[in-house]
């Protein structure tokens, strides 16, 4: 689940099945619709995002915060990391890479709570 503030100033929530690790302090998303709400928010300067990821076995709950950016230079790499089911929803590759530079990760897992802040 991803959250962002849309250009009208309201919070928006959306599921992003293509979200995956892109680098040591980055996540990536394939944004299928180049005119989508997240892309419009980023283009208007509203780049701060939050994400929640959850798994039952082993139990893990993660909260991410970061700054999203459109990065066409990463289209091929992000497309390759996108699950096949998500690729099938954009067979003509009309979308593009959205990179999230992480600021923090908070979570709860089998070993208890943890917090990580990104290095500058």
PDB file of N, CA and C in Angstrom:
ATOM      1  N   UNK A   1       0.851  -1.162   0.000  1.00  0.00           N
ATOM      2  CA  UNK A   1       0.000   0.000   0.000  1.00  0.00           C
ATOM      3  C   UNK A   1       0.902   1.232   0.000  1.00  0.00           C
ATOM      4  N   UNK A   2       0.634   2.163  -0.892  1.00  0.00           N
ATOM      5  CA  UNK A   2       1.409   3.391  -1.023  1.00  0.00           C
ATOM      6  C   UNK A   2       0.519   4.583  -0.727  1.00  0.00           C
ATOM      7  N   UNK A   3       1.066   5.568  -0.031  1.00  0.00           N
ATOM      8  CA  UNK A   3       0.339   6.806   0.224  1.00  0.00           C
ATOM      9  C   UNK A   3       1.138   7.983  -0.321  1.00  0.00           C
ATOM     10  N   UNK A   4       0.402   8.959  -0.813  1.00  0.00           N
ATOM     11  CA  UNK A   4       1.005  10.208  -1.294  1.00  0.00           C
ATOM     12  C   UNK A   4      -0.042  11.299  -1.191  1.00  0.00           C
ATOM     13  N   UNK A   5       0.384  12.537  -1.350  1.00  0.00           N
ATOM     14  CA  UNK A   5      -0.557  13.666  -1.337  1.00  0.00           C
ATOM     15  C   UNK A   5      -0.773  14.077  -2.787  1.00  0.00           C
ATOM     16  N   UNK A   6      -2.027  14.054  -3.214  1.00  0.00           N
ATOM     17  CA  UNK A   6      -2.315  14.364  -4.608  1.00  0.00           C
ATOM     18  C   UNK A   6      -2.220  15.868  -4.873  1.00  0.00           C
ATOM     19  N   UNK A   7      -2.232  16.284  -6.146  1.00  0.00           N
ATOM     20  CA  UNK A   7      -2.086  17.713  -6.460  1.00  0.00           C
ATOM     21  C   UNK A   7      -3.162  18.609  -5.847  1.00  0.00           C
ATOM     22  N   UNK A   8      -4.314  18.045  -5.480  1.00  0.00           N
ATOM     23  CA  UNK A   8      -5.362  18.833  -4.821  1.00  0.00           C
ATOM     24  C   UNK A   8      -5.111  18.965  -3.325  1.00  0.00           C
ATOM     25  N   UNK A   9      -4.045  18.320  -2.815  1.00  0.00           N
ATOM     26  CA  UNK A   9      -3.700  18.426  -1.406  1.00  0.00           C
ATOM     27  C   UNK A   9      -4.306  17.359  -0.517  1.00  0.00           C
ATOM     28  N   UNK A  10      -4.953  16.373  -1.113  1.00  0.00           N
ATOM     29  CA  UNK A  10      -5.586  15.307  -0.332  1.00  0.00           C
ATOM     30  C   UNK A  10      -4.715  14.055  -0.303  1.00  0.00           C
ATOM     31  N   UNK A  11      -4.787  13.287   0.785  1.00  0.00           N
ATOM     32  CA  UNK A  11      -4.053  12.027   0.811  1.00  0.00           C
ATOM     33  C   UNK A  11      -4.683  11.020  -0.147  1.00  0.00           C
ATOM     34  N   UNK A  12      -3.828  10.235  -0.779  1.00  0.00           N
ATOM     35  CA  UNK A  12      -4.280   9.176  -1.674  1.00  0.00           C
ATOM     36  C   UNK A  12      -3.592   7.880  -1.272  1.00  0.00           C
ATOM     37  N   UNK A  13      -4.320   6.783  -1.388  1.00  0.00           N
ATOM     38  CA  UNK A  13      -3.785   5.454  -1.107  1.00  0.00           C
ATOM     39  C   UNK A  13      -3.975   4.588  -2.338  1.00  0.00           C
ATOM     40  N   UNK A  14      -2.975   3.779  -2.644  1.00  0.00           N
ATOM     41  CA  UNK A  14      -3.116   2.860  -3.764  1.00  0.00           C
ATOM     42  C   UNK A  14      -2.240   1.638  -3.546  1.00  0.00           C
ATOM     43  N   UNK A  15      -2.693   0.519  -4.096  1.00  0.00           N
ATOM     44  CA  UNK A  15      -1.876  -0.687  -4.046  1.00  0.00           C
ATOM     45  C   UNK A  15      -0.918  -0.644  -5.229  1.00  0.00           C
ATOM     46  N   UNK A  16       0.288  -1.137  -5.004  1.00  0.00           N
ATOM     47  CA  UNK A  16       1.319  -1.121  -6.048  1.00  0.00           C
ATOM     48  C   UNK A  16       2.000  -2.482  -6.087  1.00  0.00           C
ATOM     49  N   UNK A  17       1.473  -3.360  -6.922  1.00  0.00           N
ATOM     50  CA  UNK A  17       1.968  -4.721  -6.997  1.00  0.00           C
ATOM     51  C   UNK A  17       3.344  -4.859  -7.606  1.00  0.00           C
ATOM     52  N   UNK A  18       3.850  -3.793  -8.212  1.00  0.00           N
ATOM     53  CA  UNK A  18       5.173  -3.864  -8.840  1.00  0.00           C
ATOM     54  C   UNK A  18       6.288  -3.393  -7.907  1.00  0.00           C
ATOM     55  N   UNK A  19       5.968  -2.999  -6.696  1.00  0.00           N
ATOM     56  CA  UNK A  19       6.976  -2.474  -5.776  1.00  0.00           C
ATOM     57  C   UNK A  19       8.031  -3.531  -5.477  1.00  0.00           C
ATOM     58  N   UNK A  20       9.292  -3.137  -5.612  1.00  0.00           N
ATOM     59  CA  UNK A  20      10.389  -4.058  -5.319  1.00  0.00           C
ATOM     60  C   UNK A  20      11.638  -3.277  -4.920  1.00  0.00           C
ATOM     61  N   UNK A  21      12.589  -3.979  -4.329  1.00  0.00           N
ATOM     62  CA  UNK A  21      13.853  -3.363  -3.927  1.00  0.00           C
ATOM     63  C   UNK A  21      14.639  -3.036  -5.189  1.00  0.00           C
ATOM     64  N   UNK A  22      15.141  -1.808  -5.238  1.00  0.00           N
ATOM     65  CA  UNK A  22      15.886  -1.353  -6.412  1.00  0.00           C
ATOM     66  C   UNK A  22      17.359  -1.119  -6.082  1.00  0.00           C
ATOM     67  N   UNK A  23      17.637  -0.806  -4.855  1.00  0.00           N
ATOM     68  CA  UNK A  23      19.005  -0.564  -4.415  1.00  0.00           C
ATOM     69  C   UNK A  23      19.042  -0.589  -2.900  1.00  0.00           C
ATOM     70  N   UNK A  24      20.216  -0.384  -2.308  1.00  0.00           N
ATOM     71  CA  UNK A  24      20.341  -0.474  -0.848  1.00  0.00           C
ATOM     72  C   UNK A  24      19.403   0.460  -0.081  1.00  0.00           C
ATOM     73  N   UNK A  25      19.074   1.603  -0.662  1.00  0.00           N
ATOM     74  CA  UNK A  25      18.190   2.557  -0.005  1.00  0.00           C
ATOM     75  C   UNK A  25      17.079   3.013  -0.933  1.00  0.00           C
ATOM     76  N   UNK A  26      16.665   2.110  -1.831  1.00  0.00           N
ATOM     77  CA  UNK A  26      15.655   2.476  -2.823  1.00  0.00           C
ATOM     78  C   UNK A  26      14.653   1.354  -3.045  1.00  0.00           C
ATOM     79  N   UNK A  27      13.427   1.772  -3.312  1.00  0.00           N
ATOM     80  CA  UNK A  27      12.394   0.894  -3.832  1.00  0.00           C
ATOM     81  C   UNK A  27      12.064   1.400  -5.238  1.00  0.00           C
ATOM     82  N   UNK A  28      11.458   0.550  -6.035  1.00  0.00           N
ATOM     83  CA  UNK A  28      11.040   0.955  -7.374  1.00  0.00           C
ATOM     84  C   UNK A  28       9.623   0.467  -7.625  1.00  0.00           C
ATOM     85  N   UNK A  29       8.919   1.213  -8.451  1.00  0.00           N
ATOM     86  CA  UNK A  29       7.552   0.893  -8.859  1.00  0.00           C
ATOM     87  C   UNK A  29       7.466   1.117 -10.359  1.00  0.00           C
ATOM     88  N   UNK A  30       6.775   0.222 -11.045  1.00  0.00           N
ATOM     89  CA  UNK A  30       6.445   0.483 -12.445  1.00  0.00           C
ATOM     90  C   UNK A  30       5.104   1.197 -12.448  1.00  0.00           C
ATOM     91  N   UNK A  31       5.107   2.472 -12.837  1.00  0.00           N
ATOM     92  CA  UNK A  31       3.873   3.259 -12.906  1.00  0.00           C
ATOM     93  C   UNK A  31       3.216   3.031 -14.259  1.00  0.00           C
ATOM     94  N   UNK A  32       2.171   2.197 -14.296  1.00  0.00           N
ATOM     95  CA  UNK A  32       1.566   1.789 -15.568  1.00  0.00           C
ATOM     96  C   UNK A  32       0.972   2.954 -16.355  1.00  0.00           C
ATOM     97  N   UNK A  33       0.381   3.902 -15.662  1.00  0.00           N
ATOM     98  CA  UNK A  33      -0.302   5.000 -16.327  1.00  0.00           C
ATOM     99  C   UNK A  33       0.544   6.271 -16.206  1.00  0.00           C
ATOM    100  N   UNK A  34       1.129   6.745 -17.297  1.00  0.00           N
ATOM    101  CA  UNK A  34       1.973   7.936 -17.213  1.00  0.00           C
ATOM    102  C   UNK A  34       1.208   9.187 -16.767  1.00  0.00           C
ATOM    103  N   UNK A  35      -0.106   9.146 -16.842  1.00  0.00           N
ATOM    104  CA  UNK A  35      -0.933  10.270 -16.392  1.00  0.00           C
ATOM    105  C   UNK A  35      -1.584   9.977 -15.046  1.00  0.00           C
ATOM    106  N   UNK A  36      -1.078   8.975 -14.329  1.00  0.00           N
ATOM    107  CA  UNK A  36      -1.662   8.557 -13.064  1.00  0.00           C
ATOM    108  C   UNK A  36      -1.471   9.574 -11.944  1.00  0.00           C
ATOM    109  N   UNK A  37      -2.189   9.341 -10.870  1.00  0.00           N
ATOM    110  CA  UNK A  37      -2.179  10.268  -9.740  1.00  0.00           C
ATOM    111  C   UNK A  37      -0.818  10.436  -9.098  1.00  0.00           C
ATOM    112  N   UNK A  38      -0.094   9.345  -8.894  1.00  0.00           N
ATOM    113  CA  UNK A  38       1.233   9.456  -8.285  1.00  0.00           C
ATOM    114  C   UNK A  38       2.174  10.235  -9.192  1.00  0.00           C
ATOM    115  N   UNK A  39       2.149   9.948 -10.482  1.00  0.00           N
ATOM    116  CA  UNK A  39       3.010  10.658 -11.412  1.00  0.00           C
ATOM    117  C   UNK A  39       2.686  12.156 -11.424  1.00  0.00           C
ATOM    118  N   UNK A  40       1.409  12.492 -11.386  1.00  0.00           N
ATOM    119  CA  UNK A  40       1.011  13.908 -11.345  1.00  0.00           C
ATOM    120  C   UNK A  40       1.471  14.562 -10.049  1.00  0.00           C
ATOM    121  N   UNK A  41       1.362  13.842  -8.937  1.00  0.00           N
ATOM    122  CA  UNK A  41       1.806  14.385  -7.652  1.00  0.00           C
ATOM    123  C   UNK A  41       3.304  14.674  -7.685  1.00  0.00           C
ATOM    124  N   UNK A  42       4.086  13.720  -8.173  1.00  0.00           N
ATOM    125  CA  UNK A  42       5.537  13.910  -8.242  1.00  0.00           C
ATOM    126  C   UNK A  42       5.867  15.107  -9.133  1.00  0.00           C
ATOM    127  N   UNK A  43       5.222  15.187 -10.297  1.00  0.00           N
ATOM    128  CA  UNK A  43       5.478  16.283 -11.226  1.00  0.00           C
ATOM    129  C   UNK A  43       5.113  17.636 -10.636  1.00  0.00           C
ATOM    130  N   UNK A  44       4.148  17.667  -9.714  1.00  0.00           N
ATOM    131  CA  UNK A  44       3.739  18.935  -9.102  1.00  0.00           C
ATOM    132  C   UNK A  44       4.575  19.285  -7.870  1.00  0.00           C
ATOM    133  N   UNK A  45       5.564  18.434  -7.550  1.00  0.00           N
ATOM    134  CA  UNK A  45       6.458  18.724  -6.430  1.00  0.00           C
ATOM    135  C   UNK A  45       6.107  18.012  -5.135  1.00  0.00           C
ATOM    136  N   UNK A  46       5.061  17.202  -5.148  1.00  0.00           N
ATOM    137  CA  UNK A  46       4.668  16.454  -3.958  1.00  0.00           C
ATOM    138  C   UNK A  46       5.301  15.065  -4.031  1.00  0.00           C
ATOM    139  N   UNK A  47       6.543  14.972  -3.557  1.00  0.00           N
ATOM    140  CA  UNK A  47       7.305  13.742  -3.754  1.00  0.00           C
ATOM    141  C   UNK A  47       7.361  12.830  -2.533  1.00  0.00           C
ATOM    142  N   UNK A  48       6.860  13.263  -1.399  1.00  0.00           N
ATOM    143  CA  UNK A  48       6.940  12.442  -0.187  1.00  0.00           C
ATOM    144  C   UNK A  48       5.881  11.348  -0.212  1.00  0.00           C
ATOM    145  N   UNK A  49       6.337  10.116   0.101  1.00  0.00           N
ATOM    146  CA  UNK A  49       5.454   8.961   0.052  1.00  0.00           C
ATOM    147  C   UNK A  49       5.646   8.109   1.299  1.00  0.00           C
ATOM    148  N   UNK A  50       4.671   7.273   1.567  1.00  0.00           N
ATOM    149  CA  UNK A  50       4.749   6.260   2.610  1.00  0.00           C
ATOM    150  C   UNK A  50       4.263   4.951   2.041  1.00  0.00           C
ATOM    151  N   UNK A  51       4.826   3.862   2.510  1.00  0.00           N
ATOM    152  CA  UNK A  51       4.411   2.533   2.065  1.00  0.00           C
ATOM    153  C   UNK A  51       4.296   1.611   3.262  1.00  0.00           C
ATOM    154  N   UNK A  52       3.395   0.652   3.162  1.00  0.00           N
ATOM    155  CA  UNK A  52       3.251  -0.405   4.159  1.00  0.00           C
ATOM    156  C   UNK A  52       3.372  -1.736   3.424  1.00  0.00           C
ATOM    157  N   UNK A  53       4.169  -2.639   3.987  1.00  0.00           N
ATOM    158  CA  UNK A  53       4.285  -3.999   3.468  1.00  0.00           C
ATOM    159  C   UNK A  53       4.049  -4.962   4.622  1.00  0.00           C
ATOM    160  N   UNK A  54       3.343  -6.055   4.344  1.00  0.00           N
ATOM    161  CA  UNK A  54       2.938  -6.985   5.395  1.00  0.00           C
ATOM    162  C   UNK A  54       3.112  -8.410   4.901  1.00  0.00           C
ATOM    163  N   UNK A  55       3.598  -9.265   5.772  1.00  0.00           N
ATOM    164  CA  UNK A  55       3.728 -10.688   5.467  1.00  0.00           C
ATOM    165  C   UNK A  55       3.330 -11.477   6.715  1.00  0.00           C
ATOM    166  N   UNK A  56       2.642 -12.586   6.518  1.00  0.00           N
ATOM    167  CA  UNK A  56       2.208 -13.401   7.657  1.00  0.00           C
ATOM    168  C   UNK A  56       3.239 -14.443   8.076  1.00  0.00           C
ATOM    169  N   UNK A  57       3.993 -15.007   7.129  1.00  0.00           N
ATOM    170  CA  UNK A  57       4.887 -16.102   7.487  1.00  0.00           C
ATOM    171  C   UNK A  57       6.223 -15.953   6.788  1.00  0.00           C
ATOM    172  N   UNK A  58       7.241 -15.473   7.447  1.00  0.00           N
ATOM    173  CA  UNK A  58       7.230 -15.092   8.859  1.00  0.00           C
ATOM    174  C   UNK A  58       6.574 -13.729   9.037  1.00  0.00           C
ATOM    175  N   UNK A  59       5.999 -13.512  10.196  1.00  0.00           N
ATOM    176  CA  UNK A  59       5.310 -12.257  10.453  1.00  0.00           C
ATOM    177  C   UNK A  59       6.277 -11.084  10.328  1.00  0.00           C
ATOM    178  N   UNK A  60       5.926 -10.153   9.445  1.00  0.00           N
ATOM    179  CA  UNK A  60       6.719  -8.945   9.244  1.00  0.00           C
ATOM    180  C   UNK A  60       5.776  -7.817   8.849  1.00  0.00           C
ATOM    181  N   UNK A  61       5.943  -6.664   9.465  1.00  0.00           N
ATOM    182  CA  UNK A  61       5.182  -5.464   9.134  1.00  0.00           C
ATOM    183  C   UNK A  61       6.188  -4.342   8.965  1.00  0.00           C
ATOM    184  N   UNK A  62       6.219  -3.732   7.772  1.00  0.00           N
ATOM    185  CA  UNK A  62       7.203  -2.699   7.464  1.00  0.00           C
ATOM    186  C   UNK A  62       6.514  -1.398   7.067  1.00  0.00           C
ATOM    187  N   UNK A  63       7.044  -0.288   7.560  1.00  0.00           N
ATOM    188  CA  UNK A  63       6.579   1.050   7.213  1.00  0.00           C
ATOM    189  C   UNK A  63       7.753   1.803   6.603  1.00  0.00           C
ATOM    190  N   UNK A  64       7.597   2.259   5.370  1.00  0.00           N
ATOM    191  CA  UNK A  64       8.651   2.980   4.669  1.00  0.00           C
ATOM    192  C   UNK A  64       8.240   4.438   4.476  1.00  0.00           C
ATOM    193  N   UNK A  65       9.185   5.358   4.569  1.00  0.00           N
ATOM    194  CA  UNK A  65       8.965   6.738   4.138  1.00  0.00           C
ATOM    195  C   UNK A  65      10.090   7.095   3.177  1.00  0.00           C
ATOM    196  N   UNK A  66       9.765   7.956   2.215  1.00  0.00           N
ATOM    197  CA  UNK A  66      10.781   8.353   1.258  1.00  0.00           C
ATOM    198  C   UNK A  66      10.279   9.408   0.306  1.00  0.00           C
ATOM    199  N   UNK A  67      11.114   9.671  -0.699  1.00  0.00           N
ATOM    200  CA  UNK A  67      10.830  10.672  -1.718  1.00  0.00           C
ATOM    201  C   UNK A  67      10.822   9.985  -3.079  1.00  0.00           C
ATOM    202  N   UNK A  68       9.734  10.136  -3.803  1.00  0.00           N
ATOM    203  CA  UNK A  68       9.564   9.481  -5.095  1.00  0.00           C
ATOM    204  C   UNK A  68       9.972  10.420  -6.226  1.00  0.00           C
ATOM    205  N   UNK A  69      10.494   9.796  -7.280  1.00  0.00           N
ATOM    206  CA  UNK A  69      10.863  10.575  -8.472  1.00  0.00           C
ATOM    207  C   UNK A  69      10.650   9.719  -9.714  1.00  0.00           C
ATOM    208  N   UNK A  70      10.305  10.386 -10.792  1.00  0.00           N
ATOM    209  CA  UNK A  70      10.190   9.725 -12.090  1.00  0.00           C
ATOM    210  C   UNK A  70      11.593   9.629 -12.662  1.00  0.00           C
ATOM    211  N   UNK A  71      11.981   8.445 -13.143  1.00  0.00           N
ATOM    212  CA  UNK A  71      13.340   8.272 -13.646  1.00  0.00           C
ATOM    213  C   UNK A  71      13.328   7.381 -14.889  1.00  0.00           C
ATOM    214  N   UNK A  72      13.087   7.981 -16.062  1.00  0.00           N
ATOM    215  CA  UNK A  72      13.037   7.195 -17.292  1.00  0.00           C
ATOM    216  C   UNK A  72      14.327   6.423 -17.578  1.00  0.00           C
ATOM    217  N   UNK A  73      15.454   6.882 -17.055  1.00  0.00           N
ATOM    218  CA  UNK A  73      16.713   6.162 -17.288  1.00  0.00           C
ATOM    219  C   UNK A  73      16.702   4.779 -16.623  1.00  0.00           C
ATOM    220  N   UNK A  74      15.781   4.549 -15.704  1.00  0.00           N
ATOM    221  CA  UNK A  74      15.679   3.273 -14.994  1.00  0.00           C
ATOM    222  C   UNK A  74      14.544   2.390 -15.512  1.00  0.00           C
ATOM    223  N   UNK A  75      13.896   2.807 -16.614  1.00  0.00           N
ATOM    224  CA  UNK A  75      12.744   2.051 -17.120  1.00  0.00           C
ATOM    225  C   UNK A  75      13.062   0.577 -17.346  1.00  0.00           C
ATOM    226  N   UNK A  76      14.160   0.268 -18.012  1.00  0.00           N
ATOM    227  CA  UNK A  76      14.474  -1.129 -18.309  1.00  0.00           C
ATOM    228  C   UNK A  76      14.710  -1.935 -17.034  1.00  0.00           C
ATOM    229  N   UNK A  77      15.476  -1.380 -16.103  1.00  0.00           N
ATOM    230  CA  UNK A  77      15.789  -2.101 -14.859  1.00  0.00           C
ATOM    231  C   UNK A  77      14.530  -2.329 -14.025  1.00  0.00           C
ATOM    232  N   UNK A  78      13.685  -1.313 -13.933  1.00  0.00           N
ATOM    233  CA  UNK A  78      12.467  -1.453 -13.129  1.00  0.00           C
ATOM    234  C   UNK A  78      11.499  -2.419 -13.804  1.00  0.00           C
ATOM    235  N   UNK A  79      11.389  -2.347 -15.118  1.00  0.00           N
ATOM    236  CA  UNK A  79      10.533  -3.291 -15.839  1.00  0.00           C
ATOM    237  C   UNK A  79      10.987  -4.721 -15.586  1.00  0.00           C
ATOM    238  N   UNK A  80      12.280  -4.959 -15.617  1.00  0.00           N
ATOM    239  CA  UNK A  80      12.802  -6.309 -15.393  1.00  0.00           C
ATOM    240  C   UNK A  80      12.502  -6.812 -13.979  1.00  0.00           C
ATOM    241  N   UNK A  81      12.433  -5.914 -13.000  1.00  0.00           N
ATOM    242  CA  UNK A  81      12.141  -6.297 -11.631  1.00  0.00           C
ATOM    243  C   UNK A  81      10.665  -6.397 -11.309  1.00  0.00           C
ATOM    244  N   UNK A  82       9.830  -6.069 -12.269  1.00  0.00           N
ATOM    245  CA  UNK A  82       8.377  -6.068 -12.074  1.00  0.00           C
ATOM    246  C   UNK A  82       7.815  -7.475 -12.284  1.00  0.00           C
ATOM    247  N   UNK A  83       6.943  -7.946 -11.383  1.00  0.00           N
ATOM    248  CA  UNK A  83       6.351  -9.279 -11.543  1.00  0.00           C
ATOM    249  C   UNK A  83       5.572  -9.413 -12.864  1.00  0.00           C
ATOM    250  N   UNK A  84       5.564 -10.615 -13.412  1.00  0.00           N
ATOM    251  CA  UNK A  84       4.909 -10.873 -14.704  1.00  0.00           C
ATOM    252  C   UNK A  84       3.443 -10.461 -14.701  1.00  0.00           C
ATOM    253  N   UNK A  85       2.747 -10.699 -13.602  1.00  0.00           N
ATOM    254  CA  UNK A  85       1.335 -10.317 -13.533  1.00  0.00           C
ATOM    255  C   UNK A  85       1.121  -8.824 -13.712  1.00  0.00           C
ATOM    256  N   UNK A  86       2.021  -8.031 -13.165  1.00  0.00           N
ATOM    257  CA  UNK A  86       1.942  -6.576 -13.330  1.00  0.00           C
ATOM    258  C   UNK A  86       2.325  -6.172 -14.751  1.00  0.00           C
ATOM    259  N   UNK A  87       3.322  -6.838 -15.322  1.00  0.00           N
ATOM    260  CA  UNK A  87       3.719  -6.539 -16.701  1.00  0.00           C
ATOM    261  C   UNK A  87       2.547  -6.772 -17.650  1.00  0.00           C
ATOM    262  N   UNK A  88       1.757  -7.797 -17.358  1.00  0.00           N
ATOM    263  CA  UNK A  88       0.610  -8.100 -18.201  1.00  0.00           C
ATOM    264  C   UNK A  88      -0.437  -7.004 -18.219  1.00  0.00           C
ATOM    265  N   UNK A  89      -0.418  -6.127 -17.216  1.00  0.00           N
ATOM    266  CA  UNK A  89      -1.365  -5.012 -17.156  1.00  0.00           C
ATOM    267  C   UNK A  89      -0.892  -3.798 -17.953  1.00  0.00           C
ATOM    268  N   UNK A  90       0.359  -3.860 -18.447  1.00  0.00           N
ATOM    269  CA  UNK A  90       0.917  -2.789 -19.288  1.00  0.00           C
ATOM    270  C   UNK A  90       1.761  -3.423 -20.402  1.00  0.00           C
ATOM    271  N   UNK A  91       1.130  -4.244 -21.256  1.00  0.00           N
ATOM    272  CA  UNK A  91       1.902  -4.994 -22.250  1.00  0.00           C
ATOM    273  C   UNK A  91       2.651  -4.109 -23.248  1.00  0.00           C
ATOM    274  N   UNK A  92       2.185  -2.896 -23.453  1.00  0.00           N
ATOM    275  CA  UNK A  92       2.851  -1.990 -24.398  1.00  0.00           C
ATOM    276  C   UNK A  92       3.904  -1.108 -23.726  1.00  0.00           C
ATOM    277  N   UNK A  93       4.133  -1.335 -22.417  1.00  0.00           N
ATOM    278  CA  UNK A  93       5.130  -0.559 -21.650  1.00  0.00           C
ATOM    279  C   UNK A  93       4.918   0.952 -21.789  1.00  0.00           C
ATOM    280  N   UNK A  94       3.689   1.380 -21.594  1.00  0.00           N
ATOM    281  CA  UNK A  94       3.379   2.808 -21.667  1.00  0.00           C
ATOM    282  C   UNK A  94       3.790   3.538 -20.399  1.00  0.00           C
ATOM    283  N   UNK A  95       3.977   2.795 -19.305  1.00  0.00           N
ATOM    284  CA  UNK A  95       4.321   3.404 -18.026  1.00  0.00           C
ATOM    285  C   UNK A  95       5.790   3.752 -17.935  1.00  0.00           C
ATOM    286  N   UNK A  96       6.238   3.925 -16.697  1.00  0.00           N
ATOM    287  CA  UNK A  96       7.631   4.277 -16.477  1.00  0.00           C
ATOM    288  C   UNK A  96       8.060   4.036 -15.049  1.00  0.00           C
ATOM    289  N   UNK A  97       9.362   4.163 -14.858  1.00  0.00           N
ATOM    290  CA  UNK A  97       9.978   3.894 -13.562  1.00  0.00           C
ATOM    291  C   UNK A  97       9.715   5.022 -12.573  1.00  0.00           C
ATOM    292  N   UNK A  98       9.329   4.617 -11.377  1.00  0.00           N
ATOM    293  CA  UNK A  98       9.233   5.524 -10.233  1.00  0.00           C
ATOM    294  C   UNK A  98      10.198   4.977  -9.194  1.00  0.00           C
ATOM    295  N   UNK A  99      11.168   5.784  -8.816  1.00  0.00           N
ATOM    296  CA  UNK A  99      12.168   5.397  -7.836  1.00  0.00           C
ATOM    297  C   UNK A  99      11.848   6.090  -6.521  1.00  0.00           C
ATOM    298  N   UNK A 100      11.901   5.344  -5.433  1.00  0.00           N
ATOM    299  CA  UNK A 100      11.669   5.908  -4.100  1.00  0.00           C
ATOM    300  C   UNK A 100      12.975   5.841  -3.331  1.00  0.00           C
ATOM    301  N   UNK A 101      13.528   7.009  -3.042  1.00  0.00           N
ATOM    302  CA  UNK A 101      14.725   7.111  -2.213  1.00  0.00           C
ATOM    303  C   UNK A 101      14.256   7.101  -0.766  1.00  0.00           C
ATOM    304  N   UNK A 102      14.618   6.057  -0.035  1.00  0.00           N
ATOM    305  CA  UNK A 102      14.087   5.847   1.305  1.00  0.00           C
ATOM    306  C   UNK A 102      14.725   6.776   2.342  1.00  0.00           C
ATOM    307  N   UNK A 103      13.884   7.293   3.230  1.00  0.00           N
ATOM    308  CA  UNK A 103      14.340   8.080   4.375  1.00  0.00           C
ATOM    309  C   UNK A 103      14.343   7.241   5.643  1.00  0.00           C
ATOM    310  N   UNK A 104      13.354   6.337   5.758  1.00  0.00           N
ATOM    311  CA  UNK A 104      13.298   5.504   6.959  1.00  0.00           C
ATOM    312  C   UNK A 104      12.516   4.234   6.699  1.00  0.00           C
ATOM    313  N   UNK A 105      12.822   3.232   7.520  1.00  0.00           N
ATOM    314  CA  UNK A 105      12.062   1.986   7.558  1.00  0.00           C
ATOM    315  C   UNK A 105      11.833   1.654   9.024  1.00  0.00           C
ATOM    316  N   UNK A 106      10.572   1.485   9.396  1.00  0.00           N
ATOM    317  CA  UNK A 106      10.212   1.028  10.737  1.00  0.00           C
ATOM    318  C   UNK A 106       9.527  -0.316  10.568  1.00  0.00           C
ATOM    319  N   UNK A 107       9.639  -1.153  11.558  1.00  0.00           N
ATOM    320  CA  UNK A 107       8.977  -2.423  11.390  1.00  0.00           C
ATOM    321  C   UNK A 107       8.846  -3.235  12.652  1.00  0.00           C
ATOM    322  N   UNK A 108       8.143  -4.323  12.481  1.00  0.00           N
ATOM    323  CA  UNK A 108       7.921  -5.288  13.538  1.00  0.00           C
ATOM    324  C   UNK A 108       8.064  -6.656  12.899  1.00  0.00           C
ATOM    325  N   UNK A 109       8.879  -7.482  13.508  1.00  0.00           N
ATOM    326  CA  UNK A 109       9.085  -8.829  12.993  1.00  0.00           C
ATOM    327  C   UNK A 109       9.235  -9.799  14.132  1.00  0.00           C
ATOM    328  N   UNK A 110       9.656 -10.995  13.817  1.00  0.00           N
ATOM    329  CA  UNK A 110       9.821 -12.031  14.818  1.00  0.00           C
ATOM    330  C   UNK A 110      10.787 -11.669  15.930  1.00  0.00           C
ATOM    331  N   UNK A 111      11.737 -10.788  15.634  1.00  0.00           N
ATOM    332  CA  UNK A 111      12.723 -10.367  16.638  1.00  0.00           C
ATOM    333  C   UNK A 111      12.344  -9.064  17.323  1.00  0.00           C
ATOM    334  N   UNK A 112      11.154  -8.549  17.091  1.00  0.00           N
ATOM    335  CA  UNK A 112      10.709  -7.312  17.737  1.00  0.00           C
ATOM    336  C   UNK A 112      10.720  -6.125  16.797  1.00  0.00           C
ATOM    337  N   UNK A 113      10.708  -4.929  17.390  1.00  0.00           N
ATOM    338  CA  UNK A 113      10.653  -3.684  16.626  1.00  0.00           C
ATOM    339  C   UNK A 113      12.036  -3.305  16.118  1.00  0.00           C
ATOM    340  N   UNK A 114      12.059  -2.558  15.007  1.00  0.00           N
ATOM    341  CA  UNK A 114      13.321  -2.010  14.526  1.00  0.00           C
ATOM    342  C   UNK A 114      13.068  -0.705  13.798  1.00  0.00           C
ATOM    343  N   UNK A 115      14.116   0.071  13.633  1.00  0.00           N
ATOM    344  CA  UNK A 115      14.062   1.354  12.914  1.00  0.00           C
ATOM    345  C   UNK A 115      15.367   1.557  12.197  1.00  0.00           C
ATOM    346  N   UNK A 116      15.287   1.968  10.953  1.00  0.00           N
ATOM    347  CA  UNK A 116      16.474   2.310  10.171  1.00  0.00           C
ATOM    348  C   UNK A 116      16.241   3.641   9.493  1.00  0.00           C
ATOM    349  N   UNK A 117      17.212   4.522   9.561  1.00  0.00           N
ATOM    350  CA  UNK A 117      17.156   5.789   8.851  1.00  0.00           C
ATOM    351  C   UNK A 117      18.210   5.752   7.755  1.00  0.00           C
ATOM    352  N   UNK A 118      17.876   6.306   6.600  1.00  0.00           N
ATOM    353  CA  UNK A 118      18.824   6.323   5.494  1.00  0.00           C
ATOM    354  C   UNK A 118      19.957   7.295   5.769  1.00  0.00           C
ATOM    355  N   UNK A 119      21.098   6.945   5.232  1.00  0.00           N
ATOM    356  CA  UNK A 119      22.254   7.845   5.328  1.00  0.00           C
ATOM    357  C   UNK A 119      22.102   8.948   4.312  1.00  0.00           C
ATOM    358  N   UNK A 120      22.645  10.097   4.632  1.00  0.00           N
ATOM    359  CA  UNK A 120      22.660  11.206   3.647  1.00  0.00           C
ATOM    360  C   UNK A 120      23.884  11.128   2.795  1.00  0.00           C
TER     361      UNK A 120
END
